[in-house]
């Protein structure tokens, strides 16, 4: 028996199969035969659908918003790095190791 190439199913297809499984009108083996997908895969998609269903109705706020940034810390870091660059540039210039100015 030849191995089948790995298939990537679209989210729309997964949702369609999972909804058919949730409806319960057909058994998992019937759905597996109808959609040409293994029954265990249908069970996983069904479980994922049931887990994520609460999030559809706004149960959780999305964390996609940009994280809060403390500008005071960033400005302090920029100042520190600028000071270090100036110091090192002066030290290398005095030692004759800095041949070209930027």
C-alpha atoms as a PDB file:
ATOM      1  CA  UNK A   1       0.000   0.000   0.000  1.00  0.00           C
ATOM      2  CA  UNK A   2       1.496   3.314  -1.063  1.00  0.00           C
ATOM      3  CA  UNK A   3       1.676   6.158   1.417  1.00  0.00           C
ATOM      4  CA  UNK A   4      -0.475   9.155   0.702  1.00  0.00           C
ATOM      5  CA  UNK A   5       1.252  12.501   0.462  1.00  0.00           C
ATOM      6  CA  UNK A   6       0.702  14.767   3.435  1.00  0.00           C
ATOM      7  CA  UNK A   7      -2.307  16.994   2.921  1.00  0.00           C
ATOM      8  CA  UNK A   8      -2.923  20.470   4.278  1.00  0.00           C
ATOM      9  CA  UNK A   9      -6.577  21.193   4.889  1.00  0.00           C
ATOM     10  CA  UNK A  10      -7.940  24.709   4.816  1.00  0.00           C
ATOM     11  CA  UNK A  11      -9.453  26.169   7.976  1.00  0.00           C
ATOM     12  CA  UNK A  12     -12.820  26.340   6.178  1.00  0.00           C
ATOM     13  CA  UNK A  13     -12.711  22.606   5.454  1.00  0.00           C
ATOM     14  CA  UNK A  14     -11.728  21.814   9.041  1.00  0.00           C
ATOM     15  CA  UNK A  15     -14.599  23.932  10.341  1.00  0.00           C
ATOM     16  CA  UNK A  16     -17.067  22.238   7.998  1.00  0.00           C
ATOM     17  CA  UNK A  17     -15.982  18.759   9.116  1.00  0.00           C
ATOM     18  CA  UNK A  18     -15.927  19.718  12.809  1.00  0.00           C
ATOM     19  CA  UNK A  19     -19.405  21.239  12.597  1.00  0.00           C
ATOM     20  CA  UNK A  20     -20.693  18.079  10.943  1.00  0.00           C
ATOM     21  CA  UNK A  21     -19.187  16.095  13.831  1.00  0.00           C
ATOM     22  CA  UNK A  22     -20.759  18.397  16.432  1.00  0.00           C
ATOM     23  CA  UNK A  23     -24.176  18.017  14.816  1.00  0.00           C
ATOM     24  CA  UNK A  24     -24.008  14.288  15.489  1.00  0.00           C
ATOM     25  CA  UNK A  25     -26.176  13.268  12.537  1.00  0.00           C
ATOM     26  CA  UNK A  26     -23.508  10.810  11.343  1.00  0.00           C
ATOM     27  CA  UNK A  27     -20.923   8.738  13.157  1.00  0.00           C
ATOM     28  CA  UNK A  28     -17.241   9.606  13.037  1.00  0.00           C
ATOM     29  CA  UNK A  29     -16.542   6.695  10.726  1.00  0.00           C
ATOM     30  CA  UNK A  30     -19.259   7.841   8.314  1.00  0.00           C
ATOM     31  CA  UNK A  31     -17.858  11.360   8.356  1.00  0.00           C
ATOM     32  CA  UNK A  32     -14.340  10.013   7.856  1.00  0.00           C
ATOM     33  CA  UNK A  33     -15.483   8.128   4.789  1.00  0.00           C
ATOM     34  CA  UNK A  34     -17.488  11.083   3.462  1.00  0.00           C
ATOM     35  CA  UNK A  35     -14.685  13.644   3.842  1.00  0.00           C
ATOM     36  CA  UNK A  36     -11.779  11.217   3.248  1.00  0.00           C
ATOM     37  CA  UNK A  37     -10.170  12.102   6.578  1.00  0.00           C
ATOM     38  CA  UNK A  38      -9.208   9.818   9.465  1.00  0.00           C
ATOM     39  CA  UNK A  39     -11.721   9.620  12.316  1.00  0.00           C
ATOM     40  CA  UNK A  40      -9.095  10.605  14.891  1.00  0.00           C
ATOM     41  CA  UNK A  41      -8.423  13.802  12.943  1.00  0.00           C
ATOM     42  CA  UNK A  42     -12.124  14.641  12.936  1.00  0.00           C
ATOM     43  CA  UNK A  43     -12.231  14.089  16.711  1.00  0.00           C
ATOM     44  CA  UNK A  44      -9.278  16.481  17.178  1.00  0.00           C
ATOM     45  CA  UNK A  45     -10.898  19.161  15.026  1.00  0.00           C
ATOM     46  CA  UNK A  46     -14.171  18.747  16.902  1.00  0.00           C
ATOM     47  CA  UNK A  47     -12.397  19.153  20.258  1.00  0.00           C
ATOM     48  CA  UNK A  48     -10.556  22.249  18.986  1.00  0.00           C
ATOM     49  CA  UNK A  49     -13.832  23.738  17.809  1.00  0.00           C
ATOM     50  CA  UNK A  50     -15.513  23.144  21.147  1.00  0.00           C
ATOM     51  CA  UNK A  51     -12.526  24.575  23.058  1.00  0.00           C
ATOM     52  CA  UNK A  52     -12.362  27.721  20.954  1.00  0.00           C
ATOM     53  CA  UNK A  53     -16.098  28.322  20.691  1.00  0.00           C
ATOM     54  CA  UNK A  54     -16.202  30.474  23.829  1.00  0.00           C
ATOM     55  CA  UNK A  55     -13.647  32.868  22.345  1.00  0.00           C
ATOM     56  CA  UNK A  56     -15.959  33.612  19.422  1.00  0.00           C
ATOM     57  CA  UNK A  57     -18.357  35.466  21.680  1.00  0.00           C
ATOM     58  CA  UNK A  58     -15.723  37.734  23.234  1.00  0.00           C
ATOM     59  CA  UNK A  59     -14.985  35.687  26.339  1.00  0.00           C
ATOM     60  CA  UNK A  60     -11.332  36.677  26.184  1.00  0.00           C
ATOM     61  CA  UNK A  61      -9.793  39.933  25.048  1.00  0.00           C
ATOM     62  CA  UNK A  62      -7.294  39.520  22.245  1.00  0.00           C
ATOM     63  CA  UNK A  63      -3.672  40.015  23.191  1.00  0.00           C
ATOM     64  CA  UNK A  64      -2.764  41.304  19.724  1.00  0.00           C
ATOM     65  CA  UNK A  65      -2.473  44.866  20.988  1.00  0.00           C
ATOM     66  CA  UNK A  66       1.056  46.240  21.149  1.00  0.00           C
ATOM     67  CA  UNK A  67       2.677  45.673  24.552  1.00  0.00           C
ATOM     68  CA  UNK A  68       3.100  48.732  26.711  1.00  0.00           C
ATOM     69  CA  UNK A  69       6.563  50.239  26.390  1.00  0.00           C
ATOM     70  CA  UNK A  70       8.220  52.300  29.090  1.00  0.00           C
ATOM     71  CA  UNK A  71       9.667  55.232  27.178  1.00  0.00           C
ATOM     72  CA  UNK A  72      11.639  56.433  30.177  1.00  0.00           C
ATOM     73  CA  UNK A  73      13.668  53.193  30.240  1.00  0.00           C
ATOM     74  CA  UNK A  74      14.203  53.308  26.478  1.00  0.00           C
ATOM     75  CA  UNK A  75      15.450  56.904  26.579  1.00  0.00           C
ATOM     76  CA  UNK A  76      17.795  56.022  29.434  1.00  0.00           C
ATOM     77  CA  UNK A  77      19.186  53.094  27.444  1.00  0.00           C
ATOM     78  CA  UNK A  78      19.686  55.296  24.373  1.00  0.00           C
ATOM     79  CA  UNK A  79      21.562  57.838  26.495  1.00  0.00           C
ATOM     80  CA  UNK A  80      23.760  55.152  28.001  1.00  0.00           C
ATOM     81  CA  UNK A  81      24.624  53.702  24.592  1.00  0.00           C
ATOM     82  CA  UNK A  82      25.364  57.138  23.147  1.00  0.00           C
ATOM     83  CA  UNK A  83      27.692  57.865  26.084  1.00  0.00           C
ATOM     84  CA  UNK A  84      29.499  54.542  25.616  1.00  0.00           C
ATOM     85  CA  UNK A  85      29.909  55.163  21.874  1.00  0.00           C
ATOM     86  CA  UNK A  86      31.349  58.619  22.482  1.00  0.00           C
ATOM     87  CA  UNK A  87      33.747  57.290  25.120  1.00  0.00           C
ATOM     88  CA  UNK A  88      34.947  54.417  22.963  1.00  0.00           C
ATOM     89  CA  UNK A  89      35.318  56.606  19.901  1.00  0.00           C
ATOM     90  CA  UNK A  90      37.471  59.059  21.894  1.00  0.00           C
ATOM     91  CA  UNK A  91      39.567  56.298  23.405  1.00  0.00           C
ATOM     92  CA  UNK A  92      40.177  54.637  20.051  1.00  0.00           C
ATOM     93  CA  UNK A  93      41.001  57.980  18.452  1.00  0.00           C
ATOM     94  CA  UNK A  94      43.637  58.748  21.084  1.00  0.00           C
ATOM     95  CA  UNK A  95      45.135  55.285  20.701  1.00  0.00           C
ATOM     96  CA  UNK A  96      45.374  55.731  16.933  1.00  0.00           C
ATOM     97  CA  UNK A  97      43.155  52.745  16.226  1.00  0.00           C
ATOM     98  CA  UNK A  98      40.264  54.721  14.793  1.00  0.00           C
ATOM     99  CA  UNK A  99      41.429  55.560  11.279  1.00  0.00           C
ATOM    100  CA  UNK A 100      38.260  56.894   9.654  1.00  0.00           C
ATOM    101  CA  UNK A 101      35.624  59.118  11.205  1.00  0.00           C
ATOM    102  CA  UNK A 102      32.024  58.286  10.457  1.00  0.00           C
END
